[in-house]
């Protein structure tokens, strides 16, 4: 699954363009490295989200299959 789509499907960003902009700005590295929004993401990889002065790291447990609810999305990351 594309990284920018995954960020949106996991409800980490409200829209796919917001996720794409964050990836391009280096605010959402995958496994600690800056990547393109089209990069394929897999289970087991780590996403680091940088919001203003805080940083949050999440591990992808499972990729969503289609659109999932906010509650279901929380179960896909740790």
PDB file of N, CA and C in Angstrom:
ATOM      1  N   UNK A   1       0.843  -1.169   0.000  1.00  0.00           N
ATOM      2  CA  UNK A   1       0.000   0.000   0.000  1.00  0.00           C
ATOM      3  C   UNK A   1       0.894   1.239   0.000  1.00  0.00           C
ATOM      4  N   UNK A   2       0.523   2.225  -0.784  1.00  0.00           N
ATOM      5  CA  UNK A   2       1.282   3.481  -0.832  1.00  0.00           C
ATOM      6  C   UNK A   2       1.325   4.120   0.559  1.00  0.00           C
ATOM      7  N   UNK A   3       2.452   4.714   0.880  1.00  0.00           N
ATOM      8  CA  UNK A   3       2.642   5.295   2.201  1.00  0.00           C
ATOM      9  C   UNK A   3       1.661   6.433   2.472  1.00  0.00           C
ATOM     10  N   UNK A   4       1.427   7.315   1.495  1.00  0.00           N
ATOM     11  CA  UNK A   4       0.496   8.420   1.718  1.00  0.00           C
ATOM     12  C   UNK A   4      -0.937   7.923   1.907  1.00  0.00           C
ATOM     13  N   UNK A   5      -1.316   6.879   1.195  1.00  0.00           N
ATOM     14  CA  UNK A   5      -2.649   6.291   1.359  1.00  0.00           C
ATOM     15  C   UNK A   5      -2.760   5.646   2.743  1.00  0.00           C
ATOM     16  N   UNK A   6      -1.702   4.965   3.169  1.00  0.00           N
ATOM     17  CA  UNK A   6      -1.700   4.320   4.480  1.00  0.00           C
ATOM     18  C   UNK A   6      -1.883   5.345   5.598  1.00  0.00           C
ATOM     19  N   UNK A   7      -1.201   6.476   5.508  1.00  0.00           N
ATOM     20  CA  UNK A   7      -1.338   7.514   6.536  1.00  0.00           C
ATOM     21  C   UNK A   7      -2.783   7.976   6.653  1.00  0.00           C
ATOM     22  N   UNK A   8      -3.449   8.096   5.525  1.00  0.00           N
ATOM     23  CA  UNK A   8      -4.858   8.515   5.542  1.00  0.00           C
ATOM     24  C   UNK A   8      -5.756   7.390   6.050  1.00  0.00           C
ATOM     25  N   UNK A   9      -5.545   6.163   5.586  1.00  0.00           N
ATOM     26  CA  UNK A   9      -6.390   5.031   5.995  1.00  0.00           C
ATOM     27  C   UNK A   9      -6.245   4.720   7.485  1.00  0.00           C
ATOM     28  N   UNK A  10      -5.069   4.983   8.061  1.00  0.00           N
ATOM     29  CA  UNK A  10      -4.867   4.773   9.497  1.00  0.00           C
ATOM     30  C   UNK A  10      -5.388   5.957  10.311  1.00  0.00           C
ATOM     31  N   UNK A  11      -5.989   6.912   9.624  1.00  0.00           N
ATOM     32  CA  UNK A  11      -6.570   8.097  10.253  1.00  0.00           C
ATOM     33  C   UNK A  11      -5.528   8.943  10.985  1.00  0.00           C
ATOM     34  N   UNK A  12      -4.290   8.943  10.467  1.00  0.00           N
ATOM     35  CA  UNK A  12      -3.243   9.778  11.052  1.00  0.00           C
ATOM     36  C   UNK A  12      -3.300  11.189  10.466  1.00  0.00           C
ATOM     37  N   UNK A  13      -3.912  11.313   9.275  1.00  0.00           N
ATOM     38  CA  UNK A  13      -4.167  12.603   8.641  1.00  0.00           C
ATOM     39  C   UNK A  13      -5.587  12.592   8.107  1.00  0.00           C
ATOM     40  N   UNK A  14      -6.229  13.750   8.089  1.00  0.00           N
ATOM     41  CA  UNK A  14      -7.631  13.834   7.666  1.00  0.00           C
ATOM     42  C   UNK A  14      -7.809  13.556   6.176  1.00  0.00           C
ATOM     43  N   UNK A  15      -6.777  13.864   5.379  1.00  0.00           N
ATOM     44  CA  UNK A  15      -6.890  13.642   3.943  1.00  0.00           C
ATOM     45  C   UNK A  15      -5.579  13.110   3.393  1.00  0.00           C
ATOM     46  N   UNK A  16      -5.673  12.495   2.222  1.00  0.00           N
ATOM     47  CA  UNK A  16      -4.464  11.979   1.580  1.00  0.00           C
ATOM     48  C   UNK A  16      -3.498  13.115   1.207  1.00  0.00           C
ATOM     49  N   UNK A  17      -3.981  14.253   0.682  1.00  0.00           N
ATOM     50  CA  UNK A  17      -3.050  15.351   0.381  1.00  0.00           C
ATOM     51  C   UNK A  17      -2.295  15.858   1.621  1.00  0.00           C
ATOM     52  N   UNK A  18      -2.923  15.839   2.788  1.00  0.00           N
ATOM     53  CA  UNK A  18      -2.222  16.244   4.008  1.00  0.00           C
ATOM     54  C   UNK A  18      -1.107  15.252   4.331  1.00  0.00           C
ATOM     55  N   UNK A  19      -1.386  13.976   4.166  1.00  0.00           N
ATOM     56  CA  UNK A  19      -0.370  12.952   4.379  1.00  0.00           C
ATOM     57  C   UNK A  19       0.770  13.080   3.391  1.00  0.00           C
ATOM     58  N   UNK A  20       0.437  13.348   2.133  1.00  0.00           N
ATOM     59  CA  UNK A  20       1.450  13.529   1.097  1.00  0.00           C
ATOM     60  C   UNK A  20       2.344  14.724   1.426  1.00  0.00           C
ATOM     61  N   UNK A  21       1.735  15.826   1.851  1.00  0.00           N
ATOM     62  CA  UNK A  21       2.503  17.023   2.194  1.00  0.00           C
ATOM     63  C   UNK A  21       3.437  16.761   3.376  1.00  0.00           C
ATOM     64  N   UNK A  22       2.973  16.011   4.372  1.00  0.00           N
ATOM     65  CA  UNK A  22       3.797  15.689   5.534  1.00  0.00           C
ATOM     66  C   UNK A  22       4.993  14.827   5.134  1.00  0.00           C
ATOM     67  N   UNK A  23       4.768  13.859   4.258  1.00  0.00           N
ATOM     68  CA  UNK A  23       5.861  12.991   3.801  1.00  0.00           C
ATOM     69  C   UNK A  23       6.885  13.816   3.015  1.00  0.00           C
ATOM     70  N   UNK A  24       6.412  14.677   2.124  1.00  0.00           N
ATOM     71  CA  UNK A  24       7.311  15.494   1.314  1.00  0.00           C
ATOM     72  C   UNK A  24       8.095  16.496   2.157  1.00  0.00           C
ATOM     73  N   UNK A  25       7.510  16.945   3.267  1.00  0.00           N
ATOM     74  CA  UNK A  25       8.182  17.898   4.147  1.00  0.00           C
ATOM     75  C   UNK A  25       9.122  17.201   5.134  1.00  0.00           C
ATOM     76  N   UNK A  26       9.152  15.876   5.111  1.00  0.00           N
ATOM     77  CA  UNK A  26      10.017  15.137   6.015  1.00  0.00           C
ATOM     78  C   UNK A  26       9.451  14.993   7.415  1.00  0.00           C
ATOM     79  N   UNK A  27       8.150  15.244   7.583  1.00  0.00           N
ATOM     80  CA  UNK A  27       7.505  15.167   8.896  1.00  0.00           C
ATOM     81  C   UNK A  27       6.957  13.777   9.199  1.00  0.00           C
ATOM     82  N   UNK A  28       7.091  12.839   8.259  1.00  0.00           N
ATOM     83  CA  UNK A  28       6.595  11.477   8.475  1.00  0.00           C
ATOM     84  C   UNK A  28       7.567  10.479   7.850  1.00  0.00           C
ATOM     85  N   UNK A  29       8.758  10.326   8.440  1.00  0.00           N
ATOM     86  CA  UNK A  29       9.700   9.342   7.882  1.00  0.00           C
ATOM     87  C   UNK A  29       9.244   7.908   8.153  1.00  0.00           C
ATOM     88  N   UNK A  30       9.639   7.024   7.277  1.00  0.00           N
ATOM     89  CA  UNK A  30       9.316   5.605   7.399  1.00  0.00           C
ATOM     90  C   UNK A  30      10.604   4.874   7.758  1.00  0.00           C
ATOM     91  N   UNK A  31      10.618   4.185   8.873  1.00  0.00           N
ATOM     92  CA  UNK A  31      11.813   3.505   9.387  1.00  0.00           C
ATOM     93  C   UNK A  31      12.989   4.472   9.528  1.00  0.00           C
ATOM     94  N   UNK A  32      12.684   5.711   9.912  1.00  0.00           N
ATOM     95  CA  UNK A  32      13.719   6.703  10.180  1.00  0.00           C
ATOM     96  C   UNK A  32      14.302   7.381   8.955  1.00  0.00           C
ATOM     97  N   UNK A  33      13.819   7.062   7.774  1.00  0.00           N
ATOM     98  CA  UNK A  33      14.346   7.652   6.550  1.00  0.00           C
ATOM     99  C   UNK A  33      13.251   8.403   5.797  1.00  0.00           C
ATOM    100  N   UNK A  34      13.638   9.514   5.191  1.00  0.00           N
ATOM    101  CA  UNK A  34      12.705  10.263   4.352  1.00  0.00           C
ATOM    102  C   UNK A  34      12.408   9.426   3.112  1.00  0.00           C
ATOM    103  N   UNK A  35      11.148   9.325   2.760  1.00  0.00           N
ATOM    104  CA  UNK A  35      10.732   8.530   1.601  1.00  0.00           C
ATOM    105  C   UNK A  35       9.769   9.339   0.748  1.00  0.00           C
ATOM    106  N   UNK A  36       9.493   8.845  -0.438  1.00  0.00           N
ATOM    107  CA  UNK A  36       8.501   9.465  -1.307  1.00  0.00           C
ATOM    108  C   UNK A  36       7.108   8.988  -0.885  1.00  0.00           C
ATOM    109  N   UNK A  37       6.071   9.770  -1.157  1.00  0.00           N
ATOM    110  CA  UNK A  37       4.708   9.365  -0.804  1.00  0.00           C
ATOM    111  C   UNK A  37       4.280   8.061  -1.480  1.00  0.00           C
ATOM    112  N   UNK A  38       4.862   7.742  -2.623  1.00  0.00           N
ATOM    113  CA  UNK A  38       4.476   6.542  -3.361  1.00  0.00           C
ATOM    114  C   UNK A  38       5.179   5.280  -2.856  1.00  0.00           C
ATOM    115  N   UNK A  39       6.045   5.406  -1.881  1.00  0.00           N
ATOM    116  CA  UNK A  39       6.778   4.250  -1.339  1.00  0.00           C
ATOM    117  C   UNK A  39       5.802   3.221  -0.771  1.00  0.00           C
ATOM    118  N   UNK A  40       6.048   1.957  -1.039  1.00  0.00           N
ATOM    119  CA  UNK A  40       5.204   0.891  -0.526  1.00  0.00           C
ATOM    120  C   UNK A  40       5.507   0.664   0.952  1.00  0.00           C
ATOM    121  N   UNK A  41       4.487   0.677   1.782  1.00  0.00           N
ATOM    122  CA  UNK A  41       4.633   0.426   3.221  1.00  0.00           C
ATOM    123  C   UNK A  41       4.190  -0.996   3.514  1.00  0.00           C
ATOM    124  N   UNK A  42       4.862  -1.616   4.506  1.00  0.00           N
ATOM    125  CA  UNK A  42       4.545  -3.002   4.875  1.00  0.00           C
ATOM    126  C   UNK A  42       4.382  -3.103   6.381  1.00  0.00           C
ATOM    127  N   UNK A  43       3.767  -4.174   6.813  1.00  0.00           N
ATOM    128  CA  UNK A  43       3.644  -4.438   8.246  1.00  0.00           C
ATOM    129  C   UNK A  43       5.041  -4.619   8.835  1.00  0.00           C
ATOM    130  N   UNK A  44       5.226  -4.137  10.062  1.00  0.00           N
ATOM    131  CA  UNK A  44       6.511  -4.242  10.730  1.00  0.00           C
ATOM    132  C   UNK A  44       7.355  -2.990  10.624  1.00  0.00           C
ATOM    133  N   UNK A  45       7.012  -2.092   9.707  1.00  0.00           N
ATOM    134  CA  UNK A  45       7.764  -0.849   9.568  1.00  0.00           C
ATOM    135  C   UNK A  45       7.291   0.159  10.607  1.00  0.00           C
ATOM    136  N   UNK A  46       8.125   1.164  10.867  1.00  0.00           N
ATOM    137  CA  UNK A  46       7.810   2.188  11.861  1.00  0.00           C
ATOM    138  C   UNK A  46       7.628   3.551  11.194  1.00  0.00           C
ATOM    139  N   UNK A  47       6.589   4.246  11.635  1.00  0.00           N
ATOM    140  CA  UNK A  47       6.287   5.597  11.165  1.00  0.00           C
ATOM    141  C   UNK A  47       6.606   6.544  12.315  1.00  0.00           C
ATOM    142  N   UNK A  48       7.351   7.606  12.035  1.00  0.00           N
ATOM    143  CA  UNK A  48       7.628   8.626  13.039  1.00  0.00           C
ATOM    144  C   UNK A  48       6.928   9.907  12.591  1.00  0.00           C
ATOM    145  N   UNK A  49       5.968  10.359  13.375  1.00  0.00           N
ATOM    146  CA  UNK A  49       5.226  11.580  13.056  1.00  0.00           C
ATOM    147  C   UNK A  49       5.778  12.729  13.885  1.00  0.00           C
ATOM    148  N   UNK A  50       6.125  13.807  13.206  1.00  0.00           N
ATOM    149  CA  UNK A  50       6.661  14.982  13.882  1.00  0.00           C
ATOM    150  C   UNK A  50       5.617  16.098  13.832  1.00  0.00           C
ATOM    151  N   UNK A  51       5.031  16.404  14.978  1.00  0.00           N
ATOM    152  CA  UNK A  51       4.042  17.470  15.095  1.00  0.00           C
ATOM    153  C   UNK A  51       4.616  18.579  15.960  1.00  0.00           C
ATOM    154  N   UNK A  52       4.815  19.732  15.380  1.00  0.00           N
ATOM    155  CA  UNK A  52       5.351  20.890  16.100  1.00  0.00           C
ATOM    156  C   UNK A  52       6.521  20.507  16.989  1.00  0.00           C
ATOM    157  N   UNK A  53       6.301  20.364  18.285  1.00  0.00           N
ATOM    158  CA  UNK A  53       7.394  20.085  19.215  1.00  0.00           C
ATOM    159  C   UNK A  53       7.389  18.647  19.721  1.00  0.00           C
ATOM    160  N   UNK A  54       6.473  17.812  19.245  1.00  0.00           N
ATOM    161  CA  UNK A  54       6.405  16.439  19.739  1.00  0.00           C
ATOM    162  C   UNK A  54       6.666  15.447  18.605  1.00  0.00           C
ATOM    163  N   UNK A  55       7.063  14.270  19.001  1.00  0.00           N
ATOM    164  CA  UNK A  55       7.320  13.185  18.049  1.00  0.00           C
ATOM    165  C   UNK A  55       6.610  11.938  18.540  1.00  0.00           C
ATOM    166  N   UNK A  56       6.004  11.219  17.624  1.00  0.00           N
ATOM    167  CA  UNK A  56       5.272   9.996  17.964  1.00  0.00           C
ATOM    168  C   UNK A  56       5.701   8.901  16.987  1.00  0.00           C
ATOM    169  N   UNK A  57       6.094   7.743  17.510  1.00  0.00           N
ATOM    170  CA  UNK A  57       6.510   6.628  16.673  1.00  0.00           C
ATOM    171  C   UNK A  57       5.485   5.506  16.775  1.00  0.00           C
ATOM    172  N   UNK A  58       5.065   4.990  15.627  1.00  0.00           N
ATOM    173  CA  UNK A  58       4.072   3.929  15.552  1.00  0.00           C
ATOM    174  C   UNK A  58       4.619   2.778  14.725  1.00  0.00           C
ATOM    175  N   UNK A  59       4.328   1.565  15.142  1.00  0.00           N
ATOM    176  CA  UNK A  59       4.692   0.385  14.357  1.00  0.00           C
ATOM    177  C   UNK A  59       3.449  -0.109  13.638  1.00  0.00           C
ATOM    178  N   UNK A  60       3.590  -0.403  12.354  1.00  0.00           N
ATOM    179  CA  UNK A  60       2.475  -0.916  11.562  1.00  0.00           C
ATOM    180  C   UNK A  60       2.338  -2.405  11.864  1.00  0.00           C
ATOM    181  N   UNK A  61       1.225  -2.790  12.456  1.00  0.00           N
ATOM    182  CA  UNK A  61       0.985  -4.198  12.766  1.00  0.00           C
ATOM    183  C   UNK A  61       0.375  -4.934  11.583  1.00  0.00           C
ATOM    184  N   UNK A  62      -0.526  -4.253  10.900  1.00  0.00           N
ATOM    185  CA  UNK A  62      -1.233  -4.853   9.772  1.00  0.00           C
ATOM    186  C   UNK A  62      -1.714  -3.749   8.851  1.00  0.00           C
ATOM    187  N   UNK A  63      -1.729  -4.007   7.563  1.00  0.00           N
ATOM    188  CA  UNK A  63      -2.234  -3.025   6.610  1.00  0.00           C
ATOM    189  C   UNK A  63      -3.752  -3.108   6.551  1.00  0.00           C
ATOM    190  N   UNK A  64      -4.424  -1.956   6.456  1.00  0.00           N
ATOM    191  CA  UNK A  64      -5.891  -1.983   6.372  1.00  0.00           C
ATOM    192  C   UNK A  64      -6.349  -2.551   5.032  1.00  0.00           C
ATOM    193  N   UNK A  65      -7.448  -3.217   5.065  1.00  0.00           N
ATOM    194  CA  UNK A  65      -8.050  -3.744   3.834  1.00  0.00           C
ATOM    195  C   UNK A  65      -9.259  -2.867   3.517  1.00  0.00           C
ATOM    196  N   UNK A  66      -9.029  -1.888   2.665  1.00  0.00           N
ATOM    197  CA  UNK A  66     -10.086  -0.947   2.340  1.00  0.00           C
ATOM    198  C   UNK A  66     -10.227   0.103   3.423  1.00  0.00           C
ATOM    199  N   UNK A  67     -11.326   0.806   3.402  1.00  0.00           N
ATOM    200  CA  UNK A  67     -11.581   1.855   4.377  1.00  0.00           C
ATOM    201  C   UNK A  67     -11.992   1.234   5.712  1.00  0.00           C
ATOM    202  N   UNK A  68     -11.377   1.704   6.796  1.00  0.00           N
ATOM    203  CA  UNK A  68     -11.677   1.177   8.124  1.00  0.00           C
ATOM    204  C   UNK A  68     -12.099   2.318   9.040  1.00  0.00           C
ATOM    205  N   UNK A  69     -12.812   1.976  10.099  1.00  0.00           N
ATOM    206  CA  UNK A  69     -13.243   2.989  11.057  1.00  0.00           C
ATOM    207  C   UNK A  69     -12.051   3.471  11.879  1.00  0.00           C
ATOM    208  N   UNK A  70     -12.250   4.567  12.586  1.00  0.00           N
ATOM    209  CA  UNK A  70     -11.183   5.129  13.410  1.00  0.00           C
ATOM    210  C   UNK A  70     -10.764   4.137  14.501  1.00  0.00           C
ATOM    211  N   UNK A  71     -11.722   3.455  15.085  1.00  0.00           N
ATOM    212  CA  UNK A  71     -11.427   2.484  16.133  1.00  0.00           C
ATOM    213  C   UNK A  71     -10.647   1.288  15.575  1.00  0.00           C
ATOM    214  N   UNK A  72     -11.046   0.815  14.394  1.00  0.00           N
ATOM    215  CA  UNK A  72     -10.360  -0.303  13.765  1.00  0.00           C
ATOM    216  C   UNK A  72      -8.948   0.096  13.347  1.00  0.00           C
ATOM    217  N   UNK A  73      -8.764   1.347  12.930  1.00  0.00           N
ATOM    218  CA  UNK A  73      -7.439   1.836  12.517  1.00  0.00           C
ATOM    219  C   UNK A  73      -6.472   1.830  13.695  1.00  0.00           C
ATOM    220  N   UNK A  74      -6.968   2.133  14.903  1.00  0.00           N
ATOM    221  CA  UNK A  74      -6.106   2.145  16.081  1.00  0.00           C
ATOM    222  C   UNK A  74      -5.545   0.755  16.378  1.00  0.00           C
ATOM    223  N   UNK A  75      -6.283  -0.283  16.019  1.00  0.00           N
ATOM    224  CA  UNK A  75      -5.839  -1.652  16.271  1.00  0.00           C
ATOM    225  C   UNK A  75      -4.768  -2.103  15.284  1.00  0.00           C
ATOM    226  N   UNK A  76      -4.554  -1.348  14.229  1.00  0.00           N
ATOM    227  CA  UNK A  76      -3.578  -1.731  13.206  1.00  0.00           C
ATOM    228  C   UNK A  76      -2.181  -1.194  13.477  1.00  0.00           C
ATOM    229  N   UNK A  77      -2.036  -0.325  14.484  1.00  0.00           N
ATOM    230  CA  UNK A  77      -0.724   0.235  14.830  1.00  0.00           C
ATOM    231  C   UNK A  77      -0.472   0.084  16.322  1.00  0.00           C
ATOM    232  N   UNK A  78       0.794   0.124  16.691  1.00  0.00           N
ATOM    233  CA  UNK A  78       1.166   0.046  18.111  1.00  0.00           C
ATOM    234  C   UNK A  78       2.159   1.143  18.388  1.00  0.00           C
TER     235      UNK A  78
END
